Amino acid sequence: MDAMEDIASKSKKILSENGDIKELGTLMNINNGLLEAIGVSTKELSELVFASRISGALGAKITGAGGGGCMYALAPNKQREVETAIKIAGGIPIRTKTTDEGVRVEHK
């Protein structure tokens, strides 16, 4: 668990300082390996993570509590390739973007 905490701290630093995105991908991959080692992944999620990586993602990992069918990939220059690989592997890709806006309340 100490390793996961260290990865989270390093990732936060990279994101807050506009650091090396490739290093962030590497940290994602290491974290995912640790999560798989403690048994919170599934065969299907592992296949999606692998497909993302071999198609060009800098990093890919499961998210949430694990076992629930969600993962994400960091693919700044390979979105289409990674989306296609996820589809072929049986997943449903959803493209997202980051923002620094934070939480907001919307009234309709």
N, C-alpha and C. Protein backbone atom coordinates (compact mmCIF):
# COMPACT_ATOMS: atom_id res chain seq x y z
N MET A 1 0.82 -1.19 0.00
CA MET A 1 0.00 0.00 0.00
C MET A 1 0.86 1.26 0.00
N ASP A 2 2.05 1.17 0.60
CA ASP A 2 2.95 2.33 0.59
C ASP A 2 3.32 2.71 -0.83
N ALA A 3 3.51 1.69 -1.68
CA ALA A 3 3.87 1.96 -3.08
C ALA A 3 2.75 2.71 -3.78
N MET A 4 1.50 2.33 -3.52
CA MET A 4 0.37 3.01 -4.15
C MET A 4 0.27 4.46 -3.68
N GLU A 5 0.54 4.68 -2.40
CA GLU A 5 0.52 6.04 -1.87
C GLU A 5 1.62 6.88 -2.51
N ASP A 6 2.79 6.29 -2.69
CA ASP A 6 3.90 6.99 -3.33
C ASP A 6 3.56 7.34 -4.78
N ILE A 7 2.94 6.41 -5.48
CA ILE A 7 2.53 6.65 -6.87
C ILE A 7 1.51 7.79 -6.92
N ALA A 8 0.56 7.79 -6.01
CA ALA A 8 -0.45 8.85 -5.98
C ALA A 8 0.20 10.21 -5.75
N SER A 9 1.15 10.28 -4.84
CA SER A 9 1.85 11.55 -4.56
C SER A 9 2.63 12.02 -5.77
N LYS A 10 3.35 11.11 -6.41
CA LYS A 10 4.12 11.48 -7.60
C LYS A 10 3.20 11.93 -8.73
N SER A 11 2.08 11.24 -8.89
CA SER A 11 1.13 11.60 -9.95
C SER A 11 0.54 12.99 -9.70
N LYS A 12 0.19 13.26 -8.45
CA LYS A 12 -0.35 14.58 -8.10
C LYS A 12 0.66 15.67 -8.42
N LYS A 13 1.92 15.42 -8.10
CA LYS A 13 2.97 16.40 -8.37
C LYS A 13 3.10 16.65 -9.88
N ILE A 14 3.08 15.59 -10.66
CA ILE A 14 3.18 15.73 -12.12
C ILE A 14 2.02 16.57 -12.64
N LEU A 15 0.81 16.28 -12.18
CA LEU A 15 -0.36 17.01 -12.65
C LEU A 15 -0.36 18.46 -12.20
N SER A 16 0.08 18.73 -10.99
CA SER A 16 0.05 20.10 -10.49
C SER A 16 1.17 20.97 -11.06
N GLU A 17 2.21 20.33 -11.55
CA GLU A 17 3.35 21.09 -12.08
C GLU A 17 3.48 20.98 -13.60
N ASN A 18 2.44 20.50 -14.27
CA ASN A 18 2.52 20.27 -15.72
C ASN A 18 3.77 19.48 -16.07
N GLY A 19 3.97 18.40 -15.33
CA GLY A 19 5.17 17.59 -15.49
C GLY A 19 5.12 16.64 -16.68
N ASP A 20 5.98 15.66 -16.63
CA ASP A 20 6.19 14.71 -17.71
C ASP A 20 5.01 13.75 -17.83
N ILE A 21 4.25 13.90 -18.90
CA ILE A 21 3.06 13.08 -19.12
C ILE A 21 3.42 11.62 -19.35
N LYS A 22 4.59 11.37 -19.92
CA LYS A 22 5.03 9.98 -20.11
C LYS A 22 5.29 9.31 -18.76
N GLU A 23 5.86 10.06 -17.83
CA GLU A 23 6.09 9.53 -16.49
C GLU A 23 4.75 9.22 -15.81
N LEU A 24 3.76 10.07 -16.03
CA LEU A 24 2.44 9.81 -15.47
C LEU A 24 1.89 8.49 -16.01
N GLY A 25 2.04 8.26 -17.31
CA GLY A 25 1.61 7.00 -17.90
C GLY A 25 2.32 5.81 -17.29
N THR A 26 3.61 5.94 -17.06
CA THR A 26 4.38 4.87 -16.43
C THR A 26 3.86 4.59 -15.03
N LEU A 27 3.58 5.65 -14.27
CA LEU A 27 3.03 5.48 -12.93
C LEU A 27 1.67 4.79 -12.96
N MET A 28 0.85 5.14 -13.95
CA MET A 28 -0.45 4.48 -14.10
C MET A 28 -0.26 2.98 -14.32
N ASN A 29 0.69 2.63 -15.18
CA ASN A 29 0.95 1.22 -15.47
C ASN A 29 1.45 0.47 -14.24
N ILE A 30 2.34 1.10 -13.48
CA ILE A 30 2.84 0.47 -12.26
C ILE A 30 1.71 0.27 -11.26
N ASN A 31 0.89 1.30 -11.09
CA ASN A 31 -0.24 1.21 -10.16
C ASN A 31 -1.19 0.09 -10.57
N ASN A 32 -1.46 -0.01 -11.86
CA ASN A 32 -2.35 -1.07 -12.31
C ASN A 32 -1.77 -2.45 -12.01
N GLY A 33 -0.46 -2.59 -12.18
CA GLY A 33 0.17 -3.87 -11.85
C GLY A 33 0.00 -4.22 -10.38
N LEU A 34 0.12 -3.22 -9.52
CA LEU A 34 -0.09 -3.45 -8.09
C LEU A 34 -1.53 -3.84 -7.80
N LEU A 35 -2.47 -3.18 -8.47
CA LEU A 35 -3.89 -3.52 -8.27
C LEU A 35 -4.19 -4.93 -8.75
N GLU A 36 -3.59 -5.32 -9.87
CA GLU A 36 -3.78 -6.69 -10.34
C GLU A 36 -3.18 -7.68 -9.36
N ALA A 37 -2.04 -7.34 -8.78
CA ALA A 37 -1.37 -8.24 -7.84
C ALA A 37 -2.20 -8.50 -6.59
N ILE A 38 -3.01 -7.52 -6.18
CA ILE A 38 -3.85 -7.75 -5.00
C ILE A 38 -5.24 -8.28 -5.37
N GLY A 39 -5.46 -8.52 -6.67
CA GLY A 39 -6.65 -9.22 -7.10
C GLY A 39 -7.91 -8.41 -7.32
N VAL A 40 -7.79 -7.11 -7.58
CA VAL A 40 -9.00 -6.31 -7.76
C VAL A 40 -9.37 -6.10 -9.23
N SER A 41 -8.64 -6.71 -10.13
CA SER A 41 -8.97 -6.58 -11.55
C SER A 41 -9.76 -7.80 -12.00
N THR A 42 -10.17 -7.78 -13.24
CA THR A 42 -10.84 -8.92 -13.86
C THR A 42 -10.13 -9.23 -15.17
N LYS A 43 -10.38 -10.40 -15.71
CA LYS A 43 -9.78 -10.77 -16.99
C LYS A 43 -10.16 -9.76 -18.07
N GLU A 44 -11.42 -9.36 -18.10
CA GLU A 44 -11.91 -8.43 -19.11
C GLU A 44 -11.22 -7.07 -18.99
N LEU A 45 -11.09 -6.58 -17.77
CA LEU A 45 -10.41 -5.29 -17.57
C LEU A 45 -8.94 -5.38 -17.95
N SER A 46 -8.30 -6.48 -17.59
CA SER A 46 -6.89 -6.66 -17.95
C SER A 46 -6.71 -6.64 -19.46
N GLU A 47 -7.64 -7.25 -20.18
CA GLU A 47 -7.56 -7.26 -21.65
C GLU A 47 -7.73 -5.86 -22.22
N LEU A 48 -8.62 -5.06 -21.65
CA LEU A 48 -8.81 -3.68 -22.11
C LEU A 48 -7.58 -2.82 -21.83
N VAL A 49 -7.00 -2.99 -20.66
CA VAL A 49 -5.78 -2.25 -20.30
C VAL A 49 -4.66 -2.62 -21.27
N PHE A 50 -4.47 -3.92 -21.51
CA PHE A 50 -3.43 -4.38 -22.42
C PHE A 50 -3.66 -3.85 -23.83
N ALA A 51 -4.90 -3.93 -24.31
CA ALA A 51 -5.22 -3.44 -25.66
C ALA A 51 -4.91 -1.95 -25.78
N SER A 52 -5.21 -1.19 -24.74
CA SER A 52 -4.93 0.25 -24.75
C SER A 52 -3.44 0.51 -24.86
N ARG A 53 -2.68 -0.22 -24.08
CA ARG A 53 -1.23 0.00 -24.07
C ARG A 53 -0.59 -0.37 -25.41
N ILE A 54 -0.97 -1.52 -25.97
CA ILE A 54 -0.30 -1.93 -27.22
C ILE A 54 -0.74 -1.07 -28.40
N SER A 55 -1.84 -0.34 -28.25
CA SER A 55 -2.28 0.53 -29.34
C SER A 55 -1.76 1.96 -29.20
N GLY A 56 -0.96 2.21 -28.17
CA GLY A 56 -0.32 3.51 -28.08
C GLY A 56 -0.57 4.33 -26.84
N ALA A 57 -1.39 3.86 -25.91
CA ALA A 57 -1.63 4.62 -24.68
C ALA A 57 -0.34 4.71 -23.87
N LEU A 58 -0.09 5.86 -23.29
CA LEU A 58 1.08 6.03 -22.43
C LEU A 58 0.91 5.27 -21.12
N GLY A 59 -0.33 5.13 -20.70
CA GLY A 59 -0.66 4.40 -19.48
C GLY A 59 -2.11 3.99 -19.52
N ALA A 60 -2.44 2.93 -18.79
CA ALA A 60 -3.82 2.49 -18.68
C ALA A 60 -3.97 1.73 -17.38
N LYS A 61 -5.11 1.91 -16.72
CA LYS A 61 -5.32 1.23 -15.44
C LYS A 61 -6.80 1.12 -15.12
N ILE A 62 -7.10 0.20 -14.22
CA ILE A 62 -8.47 0.09 -13.75
C ILE A 62 -8.75 1.27 -12.82
N THR A 63 -10.03 1.53 -12.59
CA THR A 63 -10.39 2.62 -11.70
C THR A 63 -11.60 2.21 -10.87
N GLY A 64 -11.87 2.95 -9.85
CA GLY A 64 -12.97 2.61 -8.95
C GLY A 64 -12.52 1.51 -7.99
N ALA A 65 -13.46 0.70 -7.57
CA ALA A 65 -13.16 -0.37 -6.62
C ALA A 65 -12.59 -1.59 -7.30
N GLY A 66 -12.52 -1.56 -8.63
CA GLY A 66 -12.05 -2.73 -9.36
C GLY A 66 -13.17 -3.74 -9.48
N GLY A 67 -13.06 -4.61 -10.43
CA GLY A 67 -14.08 -5.62 -10.62
C GLY A 67 -15.38 -5.09 -11.19
N GLY A 68 -15.50 -3.78 -11.34
CA GLY A 68 -16.74 -3.19 -11.80
C GLY A 68 -16.78 -2.85 -13.27
N GLY A 69 -15.69 -3.08 -13.96
CA GLY A 69 -15.72 -2.89 -15.40
C GLY A 69 -15.27 -1.55 -15.91
N CYS A 70 -14.53 -0.77 -15.12
CA CYS A 70 -14.08 0.54 -15.59
C CYS A 70 -12.56 0.62 -15.60
N MET A 71 -12.05 1.24 -16.64
CA MET A 71 -10.62 1.51 -16.74
C MET A 71 -10.46 2.80 -17.51
N TYR A 72 -9.28 3.37 -17.47
CA TYR A 72 -9.02 4.55 -18.29
C TYR A 72 -7.62 4.48 -18.86
N ALA A 73 -7.44 5.18 -19.95
CA ALA A 73 -6.15 5.19 -20.64
C ALA A 73 -5.73 6.63 -20.89
N LEU A 74 -4.44 6.86 -20.82
CA LEU A 74 -3.85 8.16 -21.12
C LEU A 74 -3.24 8.06 -22.51
N ALA A 75 -3.90 8.68 -23.47
CA ALA A 75 -3.49 8.53 -24.87
C ALA A 75 -3.60 9.86 -25.60
N PRO A 76 -2.76 10.84 -25.24
CA PRO A 76 -2.93 12.18 -25.82
C PRO A 76 -2.80 12.26 -27.34
N ASN A 77 -2.04 11.40 -27.95
CA ASN A 77 -1.87 11.46 -29.40
C ASN A 77 -2.34 10.21 -30.12
N LYS A 78 -3.03 9.34 -29.41
CA LYS A 78 -3.46 8.06 -30.00
C LYS A 78 -4.91 7.73 -29.65
N GLN A 79 -5.76 8.76 -29.52
CA GLN A 79 -7.13 8.52 -29.08
C GLN A 79 -7.87 7.53 -29.98
N ARG A 80 -7.83 7.76 -31.28
CA ARG A 80 -8.58 6.88 -32.19
C ARG A 80 -8.07 5.45 -32.12
N GLU A 81 -6.75 5.29 -32.12
CA GLU A 81 -6.17 3.95 -32.07
C GLU A 81 -6.57 3.21 -30.80
N VAL A 82 -6.54 3.92 -29.68
CA VAL A 82 -6.89 3.31 -28.40
C VAL A 82 -8.39 3.01 -28.35
N GLU A 83 -9.22 3.92 -28.83
CA GLU A 83 -10.67 3.66 -28.87
C GLU A 83 -10.97 2.43 -29.71
N THR A 84 -10.33 2.31 -30.85
CA THR A 84 -10.54 1.14 -31.72
C THR A 84 -10.11 -0.14 -31.01
N ALA A 85 -8.96 -0.11 -30.36
CA ALA A 85 -8.46 -1.28 -29.65
C ALA A 85 -9.40 -1.69 -28.52
N ILE A 86 -9.94 -0.72 -27.82
CA ILE A 86 -10.89 -1.02 -26.74
C ILE A 86 -12.14 -1.67 -27.30
N LYS A 87 -12.65 -1.14 -28.41
CA LYS A 87 -13.83 -1.74 -29.05
C LYS A 87 -13.56 -3.18 -29.46
N ILE A 88 -12.42 -3.40 -30.11
CA ILE A 88 -12.07 -4.75 -30.57
C ILE A 88 -11.95 -5.71 -29.38
N ALA A 89 -11.47 -5.21 -28.25
CA ALA A 89 -11.31 -6.04 -27.05
C ALA A 89 -12.63 -6.23 -26.30
N GLY A 90 -13.71 -5.62 -26.79
CA GLY A 90 -15.02 -5.82 -26.18
C GLY A 90 -15.48 -4.71 -25.26
N GLY A 91 -14.76 -3.61 -25.21
CA GLY A 91 -15.13 -2.51 -24.34
C GLY A 91 -15.91 -1.43 -25.07
N ILE A 92 -16.40 -0.48 -24.32
CA ILE A 92 -17.12 0.67 -24.87
C ILE A 92 -16.32 1.91 -24.49
N PRO A 93 -15.57 2.47 -25.43
CA PRO A 93 -14.75 3.64 -25.10
C PRO A 93 -15.59 4.91 -24.95
N ILE A 94 -15.22 5.73 -24.00
CA ILE A 94 -15.84 7.04 -23.79
C ILE A 94 -14.70 8.05 -23.70
N ARG A 95 -14.64 8.96 -24.65
CA ARG A 95 -13.57 9.96 -24.66
C ARG A 95 -13.91 11.08 -23.68
N THR A 96 -12.93 11.44 -22.87
CA THR A 96 -13.11 12.53 -21.90
C THR A 96 -11.99 13.55 -22.06
N LYS A 97 -12.18 14.68 -21.43
CA LYS A 97 -11.16 15.73 -21.40
C LYS A 97 -10.98 16.17 -19.95
N THR A 98 -9.82 16.70 -19.66
CA THR A 98 -9.58 17.22 -18.32
C THR A 98 -9.96 18.70 -18.27
N THR A 99 -10.20 19.15 -17.06
CA THR A 99 -10.53 20.55 -16.84
C THR A 99 -10.00 20.96 -15.47
N ASP A 100 -9.79 22.23 -15.29
CA ASP A 100 -9.39 22.71 -13.98
C ASP A 100 -10.55 23.45 -13.29
N GLU A 101 -11.75 23.31 -13.87
CA GLU A 101 -12.91 24.03 -13.37
C GLU A 101 -13.39 23.52 -12.02
N GLY A 102 -13.38 22.24 -11.79
CA GLY A 102 -13.87 21.68 -10.53
C GLY A 102 -15.37 21.48 -10.54
N VAL A 103 -15.93 21.26 -9.36
CA VAL A 103 -17.35 20.97 -9.21
C VAL A 103 -18.14 22.27 -9.32
N ARG A 104 -19.31 22.17 -9.92
CA ARG A 104 -20.19 23.34 -10.01
C ARG A 104 -21.64 22.86 -9.90
N VAL A 105 -22.52 23.76 -9.53
CA VAL A 105 -23.95 23.48 -9.45
C VAL A 105 -24.60 24.12 -10.65
N GLU A 106 -25.38 23.33 -11.37
CA GLU A 106 -26.10 23.86 -12.53
C GLU A 106 -27.58 23.87 -12.23
N HIS A 107 -28.22 24.98 -12.52
CA HIS A 107 -29.66 25.11 -12.34
C HIS A 107 -30.31 25.19 -13.71
N LYS A 108 -31.40 24.47 -13.86
CA LYS A 108 -32.10 24.48 -15.15
C LYS A 108 -33.39 25.22 -15.03
